[in-house]
Amino acid sequence: MDIQQFLQSGLLETYALGQGSVEERALVERMLSEHPEARAELEAIELDMEKLAMANAITPPPGIKARILDEIGNQNIRPEGPPIKGSTSPLRWLPLAASLLLAGYLGYRWNKAEQQMAENQAQMAAMTSRLNDCDTQTKVLENTRQAVAMLRDPDTRAVRMSNDKDFAYVYHNAVRGETGLDVSGLPVPPAGKHFQAWAIVDGKPVSLGMVDLQSAGGWQTMPFPQNATAFAISAEDNPQGNATPTQVVMIGNAG
């Protein structure tokens, strides 16, 4: 039995209560002598049991100490043999008391383990939230850098897509081979619709993928279309998009 299996076996708890077979107690004592962590765990168990006993302590009835001492004296001189039937000796309750104390202690340890697990889960949730925030901030920073680089480049062309009341820009740089969409200028899609971006190449629409209106920093990098003469946004029922535009809501010439 390795040390981890031993620590989880419950033998230390049994040993601390003075219970267990001769073989089990011999095993415990050997492990205590060989493994400092076993000794530390036993001390922690004894301390927890002491706290549990103090928390549940009650004042004994008057005269109980004298009765127990008297009984111990009688036990020391009584011939060996089965207990007297109907005996009211307090000592006959010791095995039951030990079992109850063990059950109470195990329940106490279980509650502590559940509490620790709940605390660990709360810490993990908080850490996950912080990591998600960091990931979002990283994406915002990355998209912002891409947008700034595109806007500062004199080879970038701003293509204004519009309809009767709304407009948004696609930024297209043939030298860099990059295309970006400023999603912050797009309107809210009609109910149940999803925006899809398009480039018009050789007179035919070429899908640039679905528009992510929640894209970090309001900027979405799009696939670069060669020889694009126009850009458009369509509203589609299919959240995965379609092979051809269904309802064009914005369009702008790149020429």
C-alpha atoms as a PDB file:
ATOM      1  CA  MET A   1       0.000   0.000   0.000  1.00  0.00           C
ATOM      2  CA  ASP A   2       1.497   3.333  -1.020  1.00  0.00           C
ATOM      3  CA  ILE A   3       1.234   6.426   1.161  1.00  0.00           C
ATOM      4  CA  GLN A   4      -1.659   7.990  -0.748  1.00  0.00           C
ATOM      5  CA  GLN A   5      -3.737   4.824  -0.570  1.00  0.00           C
ATOM      6  CA  PHE A   6      -2.926   4.569   3.109  1.00  0.00           C
ATOM      7  CA  LEU A   7      -3.990   8.156   3.856  1.00  0.00           C
ATOM      8  CA  GLN A   8      -7.317   7.542   2.100  1.00  0.00           C
ATOM      9  CA  SER A   9      -7.959   4.127   3.666  1.00  0.00           C
ATOM     10  CA  GLY A  10      -9.494   5.378   6.919  1.00  0.00           C
ATOM     11  CA  LEU A  11      -6.996   3.404   8.997  1.00  0.00           C
ATOM     12  CA  LEU A  12      -5.642   6.547  10.633  1.00  0.00           C
ATOM     13  CA  GLU A  13      -9.118   7.536  11.816  1.00  0.00           C
ATOM     14  CA  THR A  14      -9.674   4.052  13.226  1.00  0.00           C
ATOM     15  CA  TYR A  15      -6.259   4.145  14.913  1.00  0.00           C
ATOM     16  CA  ALA A  16      -6.952   7.548  16.467  1.00  0.00           C
ATOM     17  CA  LEU A  17     -10.077   6.080  18.097  1.00  0.00           C
ATOM     18  CA  GLY A  18      -8.133   3.141  19.510  1.00  0.00           C
ATOM     19  CA  GLN A  19      -9.897   0.739  17.188  1.00  0.00           C
ATOM     20  CA  GLY A  20      -8.689  -1.668  14.501  1.00  0.00           C
ATOM     21  CA  SER A  21      -7.201  -5.122  14.433  1.00  0.00           C
ATOM     22  CA  VAL A  22      -3.688  -5.939  15.585  1.00  0.00           C
ATOM     23  CA  GLU A  23      -2.546  -6.135  11.960  1.00  0.00           C
ATOM     24  CA  GLU A  24      -4.128  -2.803  11.083  1.00  0.00           C
ATOM     25  CA  ARG A  25      -2.594  -1.034  14.062  1.00  0.00           C
ATOM     26  CA  ALA A  26       0.804  -2.558  13.264  1.00  0.00           C
ATOM     27  CA  LEU A  27       0.491  -1.285   9.686  1.00  0.00           C
ATOM     28  CA  VAL A  28      -0.453   2.190  10.916  1.00  0.00           C
ATOM     29  CA  GLU A  29       2.495   2.330  13.290  1.00  0.00           C
ATOM     30  CA  ARG A  30       4.880   1.208  10.567  1.00  0.00           C
ATOM     31  CA  MET A  31       3.577   3.858   8.174  1.00  0.00           C
ATOM     32  CA  LEU A  32       3.835   6.491  10.910  1.00  0.00           C
ATOM     33  CA  SER A  33       7.468   5.645  11.456  1.00  0.00           C
ATOM     34  CA  GLU A  34       8.294   5.669   7.738  1.00  0.00           C
ATOM     35  CA  HIS A  35       6.251   8.606   6.440  1.00  0.00           C
ATOM     36  CA  PRO A  36       6.238  12.065   8.061  1.00  0.00           C
ATOM     37  CA  GLU A  37       3.082  12.953   6.123  1.00  0.00           C
ATOM     38  CA  ALA A  38       1.264  10.071   7.823  1.00  0.00           C
ATOM     39  CA  ARG A  39       2.321  11.414  11.235  1.00  0.00           C
ATOM     40  CA  ALA A  40       1.160  14.921  10.239  1.00  0.00           C
ATOM     41  CA  GLU A  41      -2.187  13.555   9.048  1.00  0.00           C
ATOM     42  CA  LEU A  42      -2.694  11.649  12.315  1.00  0.00           C
ATOM     43  CA  GLU A  43      -2.007  14.804  14.307  1.00  0.00           C
ATOM     44  CA  ALA A  44      -4.514  16.695  12.142  1.00  0.00           C
ATOM     45  CA  ILE A  45      -7.097  13.958  12.690  1.00  0.00           C
ATOM     46  CA  GLU A  46      -6.569  14.011  16.458  1.00  0.00           C
ATOM     47  CA  LEU A  47      -6.898  17.807  16.477  1.00  0.00           C
ATOM     48  CA  ASP A  48     -10.105  17.650  14.430  1.00  0.00           C
ATOM     49  CA  MET A  49     -11.513  15.008  16.766  1.00  0.00           C
ATOM     50  CA  GLU A  50     -10.671  17.181  19.738  1.00  0.00           C
ATOM     51  CA  LYS A  51     -12.455  20.139  18.138  1.00  0.00           C
ATOM     52  CA  LEU A  52     -15.448  17.945  17.339  1.00  0.00           C
ATOM     53  CA  ALA A  53     -15.579  16.587  20.867  1.00  0.00           C
ATOM     54  CA  MET A  54     -15.328  20.087  22.370  1.00  0.00           C
ATOM     55  CA  ALA A  55     -18.056  21.378  20.061  1.00  0.00           C
ATOM     56  CA  ASN A  56     -20.415  18.587  21.116  1.00  0.00           C
ATOM     57  CA  ALA A  57     -19.390  18.321  24.751  1.00  0.00           C
ATOM     58  CA  ILE A  58     -22.112  18.135  27.398  1.00  0.00           C
ATOM     59  CA  THR A  59     -21.833  18.415  31.157  1.00  0.00           C
ATOM     60  CA  PRO A  60     -21.849  14.907  32.682  1.00  0.00           C
ATOM     61  CA  PRO A  61     -24.415  14.142  35.379  1.00  0.00           C
ATOM     62  CA  PRO A  62     -23.280  14.462  39.007  1.00  0.00           C
ATOM     63  CA  GLY A  63     -21.422  11.458  40.370  1.00  0.00           C
ATOM     64  CA  ILE A  64     -20.596   9.915  36.992  1.00  0.00           C
ATOM     65  CA  LYS A  65     -16.832  10.281  37.545  1.00  0.00           C
ATOM     66  CA  ALA A  66     -16.994   8.391  40.837  1.00  0.00           C
ATOM     67  CA  ARG A  67     -19.130   5.656  39.257  1.00  0.00           C
ATOM     68  CA  ILE A  68     -16.687   5.204  36.366  1.00  0.00           C
ATOM     69  CA  LEU A  69     -13.665   5.061  38.668  1.00  0.00           C
ATOM     70  CA  ASP A  70     -15.454   2.591  40.877  1.00  0.00           C
ATOM     71  CA  GLU A  71     -16.352   0.480  37.852  1.00  0.00           C
ATOM     72  CA  ILE A  72     -12.762   0.552  36.622  1.00  0.00           C
ATOM     73  CA  GLY A  73     -11.641  -0.673  40.025  1.00  0.00           C
ATOM     74  CA  ASN A  74     -14.172  -3.464  39.900  1.00  0.00           C
ATOM     75  CA  GLN A  75     -13.141  -4.400  36.387  1.00  0.00           C
ATOM     76  CA  ASN A  76      -9.518  -4.695  37.477  1.00  0.00           C
ATOM     77  CA  ILE A  77     -10.356  -7.325  40.084  1.00  0.00           C
ATOM     78  CA  ARG A  78     -13.244  -9.042  38.354  1.00  0.00           C
ATOM     79  CA  PRO A  79     -12.413 -12.493  36.931  1.00  0.00           C
ATOM     80  CA  GLU A  80     -12.318 -12.684  33.162  1.00  0.00           C
ATOM     81  CA  GLY A  81     -15.527 -13.808  31.593  1.00  0.00           C
ATOM     82  CA  PRO A  82     -18.630 -12.545  29.811  1.00  0.00           C
ATOM     83  CA  PRO A  83     -20.244  -9.390  31.171  1.00  0.00           C
ATOM     84  CA  ILE A  84     -22.992  -9.870  33.720  1.00  0.00           C
ATOM     85  CA  LYS A  85     -26.371  -9.917  32.035  1.00  0.00           C
ATOM     86  CA  GLY A  86     -28.243  -6.703  32.572  1.00  0.00           C
ATOM     87  CA  SER A  87     -25.122  -4.884  33.756  1.00  0.00           C
ATOM     88  CA  THR A  88     -25.366  -1.097  33.741  1.00  0.00           C
ATOM     89  CA  SER A  89     -21.610  -0.637  33.502  1.00  0.00           C
ATOM     90  CA  PRO A  90     -20.704   2.579  31.641  1.00  0.00           C
ATOM     91  CA  LEU A  91     -17.776   0.741  30.060  1.00  0.00           C
ATOM     92  CA  ARG A  92     -20.058  -1.487  28.030  1.00  0.00           C
ATOM     93  CA  TRP A  93     -21.015   1.583  26.039  1.00  0.00           C
ATOM     94  CA  LEU A  94     -17.445   2.411  25.056  1.00  0.00           C
ATOM     95  CA  PRO A  95     -17.482   0.496  21.702  1.00  0.00           C
ATOM     96  CA  LEU A  96     -20.749   2.191  20.776  1.00  0.00           C
ATOM     97  CA  ALA A  97     -19.411   5.581  21.843  1.00  0.00           C
ATOM     98  CA  ALA A  98     -16.296   5.028  19.753  1.00  0.00           C
ATOM     99  CA  SER A  99     -18.408   4.091  16.739  1.00  0.00           C
ATOM    100  CA  LEU A 100     -20.592   7.159  17.179  1.00  0.00           C
ATOM    101  CA  LEU A 101     -17.538   9.372  17.545  1.00  0.00           C
ATOM    102  CA  LEU A 102     -16.027   7.848  14.392  1.00  0.00           C
ATOM    103  CA  ALA A 103     -19.272   8.397  12.484  1.00  0.00           C
ATOM    104  CA  GLY A 104     -19.441  11.975  13.704  1.00  0.00           C
ATOM    105  CA  TYR A 105     -15.824  12.596  12.806  1.00  0.00           C
ATOM    106  CA  LEU A 106     -16.216  11.143   9.316  1.00  0.00           C
ATOM    107  CA  GLY A 107     -19.285  13.328   8.817  1.00  0.00           C
ATOM    108  CA  TYR A 108     -17.268  16.303  10.005  1.00  0.00           C
ATOM    109  CA  ARG A 109     -14.467  15.510   7.558  1.00  0.00           C
ATOM    110  CA  TRP A 110     -17.000  14.998   4.752  1.00  0.00           C
ATOM    111  CA  ASN A 111     -18.559  18.404   5.428  1.00  0.00           C
ATOM    112  CA  LYS A 112     -15.100  19.994   5.402  1.00  0.00           C
ATOM    113  CA  ALA A 113     -14.322  18.272   2.105  1.00  0.00           C
ATOM    114  CA  GLU A 114     -17.598  19.509   0.585  1.00  0.00           C
ATOM    115  CA  GLN A 115     -16.899  23.027   1.823  1.00  0.00           C
ATOM    116  CA  GLN A 116     -13.388  22.911   0.371  1.00  0.00           C
ATOM    117  CA  MET A 117     -14.757  21.608  -2.922  1.00  0.00           C
ATOM    118  CA  ALA A 118     -17.286  24.452  -3.064  1.00  0.00           C
ATOM    119  CA  GLU A 119     -14.517  26.973  -2.371  1.00  0.00           C
ATOM    120  CA  ASN A 120     -12.335  25.398  -5.073  1.00  0.00           C
ATOM    121  CA  GLN A 121     -15.191  25.543  -7.578  1.00  0.00           C
ATOM    122  CA  ALA A 122     -15.829  29.206  -6.744  1.00  0.00           C
ATOM    123  CA  GLN A 123     -12.133  30.005  -7.184  1.00  0.00           C
ATOM    124  CA  MET A 124     -12.068  28.115 -10.489  1.00  0.00           C
ATOM    125  CA  ALA A 125     -15.134  30.003 -11.735  1.00  0.00           C
ATOM    126  CA  ALA A 126     -13.535  33.329 -10.785  1.00  0.00           C
ATOM    127  CA  MET A 127     -10.285  32.342 -12.493  1.00  0.00           C
ATOM    128  CA  THR A 128     -12.154  31.248 -15.625  1.00  0.00           C
ATOM    129  CA  SER A 129     -13.971  34.581 -15.685  1.00  0.00           C
ATOM    130  CA  ARG A 130     -10.678  36.471 -15.387  1.00  0.00           C
ATOM    131  CA  LEU A 131      -9.151  34.355 -18.164  1.00  0.00           C
ATOM    132  CA  ASN A 132     -12.147  35.060 -20.395  1.00  0.00           C
ATOM    133  CA  ASP A 133     -11.807  38.769 -19.689  1.00  0.00           C
ATOM    134  CA  CYS A 134      -8.107  38.607 -20.555  1.00  0.00           C
ATOM    135  CA  ASP A 135      -8.894  36.688 -23.745  1.00  0.00           C
ATOM    136  CA  THR A 136     -11.482  39.283 -24.763  1.00  0.00           C
ATOM    137  CA  GLN A 137      -9.085  42.136 -24.042  1.00  0.00           C
ATOM    138  CA  THR A 138      -6.377  40.392 -26.059  1.00  0.00           C
ATOM    139  CA  LYS A 139      -8.718  40.025 -29.030  1.00  0.00           C
ATOM    140  CA  VAL A 140      -9.780  43.676 -28.757  1.00  0.00           C
ATOM    141  CA  LEU A 141      -6.126  44.763 -28.717  1.00  0.00           C
ATOM    142  CA  GLU A 142      -5.248  42.517 -31.668  1.00  0.00           C
ATOM    143  CA  ASN A 143      -8.202  43.708 -33.761  1.00  0.00           C
ATOM    144  CA  THR A 144      -7.487  47.320 -32.870  1.00  0.00           C
ATOM    145  CA  ARG A 145      -3.865  46.961 -34.017  1.00  0.00           C
ATOM    146  CA  GLN A 146      -5.006  45.418 -37.311  1.00  0.00           C
ATOM    147  CA  ALA A 147      -7.518  48.215 -37.869  1.00  0.00           C
ATOM    148  CA  VAL A 148      -4.983  50.942 -37.080  1.00  0.00           C
ATOM    149  CA  ALA A 149      -2.401  49.354 -39.395  1.00  0.00           C
ATOM    150  CA  MET A 150      -4.962  49.207 -42.210  1.00  0.00           C
ATOM    151  CA  LEU A 151      -6.184  52.773 -41.707  1.00  0.00           C
ATOM    152  CA  ARG A 152      -2.649  54.198 -41.631  1.00  0.00           C
ATOM    153  CA  ASP A 153      -1.630  52.429 -44.822  1.00  0.00           C
ATOM    154  CA  PRO A 154      -2.046  54.743 -47.841  1.00  0.00           C
ATOM    155  CA  ASP A 155      -2.793  51.696 -50.022  1.00  0.00           C
ATOM    156  CA  THR A 156      -5.958  50.937 -48.021  1.00  0.00           C
ATOM    157  CA  ARG A 157      -9.200  51.825 -49.765  1.00  0.00           C
ATOM    158  CA  ALA A 158     -12.344  52.542 -47.767  1.00  0.00           C
ATOM    159  CA  VAL A 159     -15.397  51.100 -49.500  1.00  0.00           C
ATOM    160  CA  ARG A 160     -18.618  52.696 -48.292  1.00  0.00           C
ATOM    161  CA  MET A 161     -21.563  50.298 -48.299  1.00  0.00           C
ATOM    162  CA  SER A 162     -24.960  51.890 -47.809  1.00  0.00           C
ATOM    163  CA  ASN A 163     -28.694  51.713 -48.228  1.00  0.00           C
ATOM    164  CA  ASP A 164     -31.349  54.385 -47.835  1.00  0.00           C
ATOM    165  CA  LYS A 165     -30.489  55.154 -44.185  1.00  0.00           C
ATOM    166  CA  ASP A 166     -27.437  53.146 -43.025  1.00  0.00           C
ATOM    167  CA  PHE A 167     -23.829  52.844 -44.092  1.00  0.00           C
ATOM    168  CA  ALA A 168     -20.742  50.860 -43.069  1.00  0.00           C
ATOM    169  CA  TYR A 169     -17.183  50.550 -44.368  1.00  0.00           C
ATOM    170  CA  VAL A 170     -15.075  47.738 -45.744  1.00  0.00           C
ATOM    171  CA  TYR A 171     -11.351  48.453 -45.784  1.00  0.00           C
ATOM    172  CA  HIS A 172      -9.546  46.767 -48.662  1.00  0.00           C
ATOM    173  CA  ASN A 173      -5.793  46.716 -49.236  1.00  0.00           C
ATOM    174  CA  ALA A 174      -4.631  44.897 -52.362  1.00  0.00           C
ATOM    175  CA  VAL A 175      -0.947  45.467 -51.548  1.00  0.00           C
ATOM    176  CA  ARG A 176      -1.220  43.948 -48.076  1.00  0.00           C
ATOM    177  CA  GLY A 177      -3.729  41.354 -49.249  1.00  0.00           C
ATOM    178  CA  GLU A 178      -6.062  42.207 -46.370  1.00  0.00           C
ATOM    179  CA  THR A 179      -9.722  43.097 -45.986  1.00  0.00           C
ATOM    180  CA  GLY A 180     -11.466  44.274 -42.816  1.00  0.00           C
ATOM    181  CA  LEU A 181     -15.047  45.180 -41.929  1.00  0.00           C
ATOM    182  CA  ASP A 182     -16.059  47.900 -39.462  1.00  0.00           C
ATOM    183  CA  VAL A 183     -19.014  46.082 -37.887  1.00  0.00           C
ATOM    184  CA  SER A 184     -19.812  49.011 -35.598  1.00  0.00           C
ATOM    185  CA  GLY A 185     -21.493  50.803 -38.506  1.00  0.00           C
ATOM    186  CA  LEU A 186     -23.867  47.965 -39.380  1.00  0.00           C
ATOM    187  CA  PRO A 187     -27.554  48.154 -38.405  1.00  0.00           C
ATOM    188  CA  VAL A 188     -29.339  45.543 -36.331  1.00  0.00           C
ATOM    189  CA  PRO A 189     -30.362  42.576 -38.536  1.00  0.00           C
ATOM    190  CA  PRO A 190     -34.084  41.985 -39.094  1.00  0.00           C
ATOM    191  CA  ALA A 191     -35.634  39.531 -36.640  1.00  0.00           C
ATOM    192  CA  GLY A 192     -34.459  35.987 -37.333  1.00  0.00           C
ATOM    193  CA  LYS A 193     -31.894  37.144 -39.916  1.00  0.00           C
ATOM    194  CA  HIS A 194     -28.112  36.898 -40.012  1.00  0.00           C
ATOM    195  CA  PHE A 195     -25.694  39.150 -41.914  1.00  0.00           C
ATOM    196  CA  GLN A 196     -23.386  37.646 -44.536  1.00  0.00           C
ATOM    197  CA  ALA A 197     -20.569  39.557 -46.256  1.00  0.00           C
ATOM    198  CA  TRP A 198     -19.900  39.392 -49.998  1.00  0.00           C
ATOM    199  CA  ALA A 199     -17.412  40.555 -52.592  1.00  0.00           C
ATOM    200  CA  ILE A 200     -18.389  40.987 -56.208  1.00  0.00           C
ATOM    201  CA  VAL A 201     -15.659  39.359 -58.343  1.00  0.00           C
ATOM    202  CA  ASP A 202     -16.019  39.123 -62.129  1.00  0.00           C
ATOM    203  CA  GLY A 203     -19.648  40.091 -61.771  1.00  0.00           C
ATOM    204  CA  LYS A 204     -20.434  37.221 -59.333  1.00  0.00           C
ATOM    205  CA  PRO A 205     -20.964  37.280 -55.550  1.00  0.00           C
ATOM    206  CA  VAL A 206     -18.257  35.527 -53.512  1.00  0.00           C
ATOM    207  CA  SER A 207     -19.028  34.843 -49.841  1.00  0.00           C
ATOM    208  CA  LEU A 208     -16.653  36.359 -47.290  1.00  0.00           C
ATOM    209  CA  GLY A 209     -18.388  34.562 -44.412  1.00  0.00           C
ATOM    210  CA  MET A 210     -20.875  35.489 -41.727  1.00  0.00           C
ATOM    211  CA  VAL A 211     -20.669  38.842 -39.988  1.00  0.00           C
ATOM    212  CA  ASP A 212     -19.926  38.755 -36.260  1.00  0.00           C
ATOM    213  CA  LEU A 213     -21.616  41.821 -34.826  1.00  0.00           C
ATOM    214  CA  GLN A 214     -19.934  41.118 -31.466  1.00  0.00           C
ATOM    215  CA  SER A 215     -16.453  41.029 -32.974  1.00  0.00           C
ATOM    216  CA  ALA A 216     -13.904  42.372 -30.494  1.00  0.00           C
ATOM    217  CA  GLY A 217     -13.178  46.055 -30.955  1.00  0.00           C
ATOM    218  CA  GLY A 218     -15.880  46.397 -33.639  1.00  0.00           C
ATOM    219  CA  TRP A 219     -13.456  45.113 -36.293  1.00  0.00           C
ATOM    220  CA  GLN A 220     -13.701  41.855 -38.236  1.00  0.00           C
ATOM    221  CA  THR A 221     -10.963  40.562 -40.495  1.00  0.00           C
ATOM    222  CA  MET A 222     -12.436  39.136 -43.711  1.00  0.00           C
ATOM    223  CA  PRO A 223     -10.959  36.829 -46.363  1.00  0.00           C
ATOM    224  CA  PHE A 224      -9.126  38.826 -49.020  1.00  0.00           C
ATOM    225  CA  PRO A 225     -10.904  38.630 -52.409  1.00  0.00           C
ATOM    226  CA  GLN A 226      -8.778  39.168 -55.526  1.00  0.00           C
ATOM    227  CA  ASN A 227     -10.130  41.618 -58.116  1.00  0.00           C
ATOM    228  CA  ALA A 228     -13.148  42.652 -56.042  1.00  0.00           C
ATOM    229  CA  THR A 229     -15.180  45.423 -57.696  1.00  0.00           C
ATOM    230  CA  ALA A 230     -17.802  45.791 -54.955  1.00  0.00           C
ATOM    231  CA  PHE A 231     -18.738  44.637 -51.467  1.00  0.00           C
ATOM    232  CA  ALA A 232     -22.160  43.884 -50.020  1.00  0.00           C
ATOM    233  CA  ILE A 233     -24.002  42.718 -46.915  1.00  0.00           C
ATOM    234  CA  SER A 234     -27.017  40.411 -47.155  1.00  0.00           C
ATOM    235  CA  ALA A 235     -29.602  39.229 -44.629  1.00  0.00           C
ATOM    236  CA  GLU A 236     -29.972  35.431 -44.515  1.00  0.00           C
ATOM    237  CA  ASP A 237     -32.276  33.021 -42.698  1.00  0.00           C
ATOM    238  CA  ASN A 238     -29.523  30.423 -42.428  1.00  0.00           C
ATOM    239  CA  PRO A 239     -27.076  31.269 -39.588  1.00  0.00           C
ATOM    240  CA  GLN A 240     -24.392  29.420 -41.585  1.00  0.00           C
ATOM    241  CA  GLY A 241     -25.027  31.534 -44.679  1.00  0.00           C
ATOM    242  CA  ASN A 242     -25.975  30.697 -48.252  1.00  0.00           C
ATOM    243  CA  ALA A 243     -24.198  30.161 -51.540  1.00  0.00           C
ATOM    244  CA  THR A 244     -25.838  33.257 -53.060  1.00  0.00           C
ATOM    245  CA  PRO A 245     -27.256  36.392 -51.405  1.00  0.00           C
ATOM    246  CA  THR A 246     -30.934  36.247 -50.458  1.00  0.00           C
ATOM    247  CA  GLN A 247     -31.649  39.840 -49.446  1.00  0.00           C
ATOM    248  CA  VAL A 248     -28.982  42.509 -50.054  1.00  0.00           C
ATOM    249  CA  VAL A 249     -29.194  45.221 -47.397  1.00  0.00           C
ATOM    250  CA  MET A 250     -26.007  47.176 -48.242  1.00  0.00           C
ATOM    251  CA  ILE A 251     -23.691  47.461 -51.218  1.00  0.00           C
ATOM    252  CA  GLY A 252     -20.759  49.643 -52.218  1.00  0.00           C
ATOM    253  CA  ASN A 253     -18.457  49.886 -55.245  1.00  0.00           C
ATOM    254  CA  ALA A 254     -14.767  49.332 -54.741  1.00  0.00           C
ATOM    255  CA  GLY A 255     -13.819  50.978 -58.037  1.00  0.00           C
END
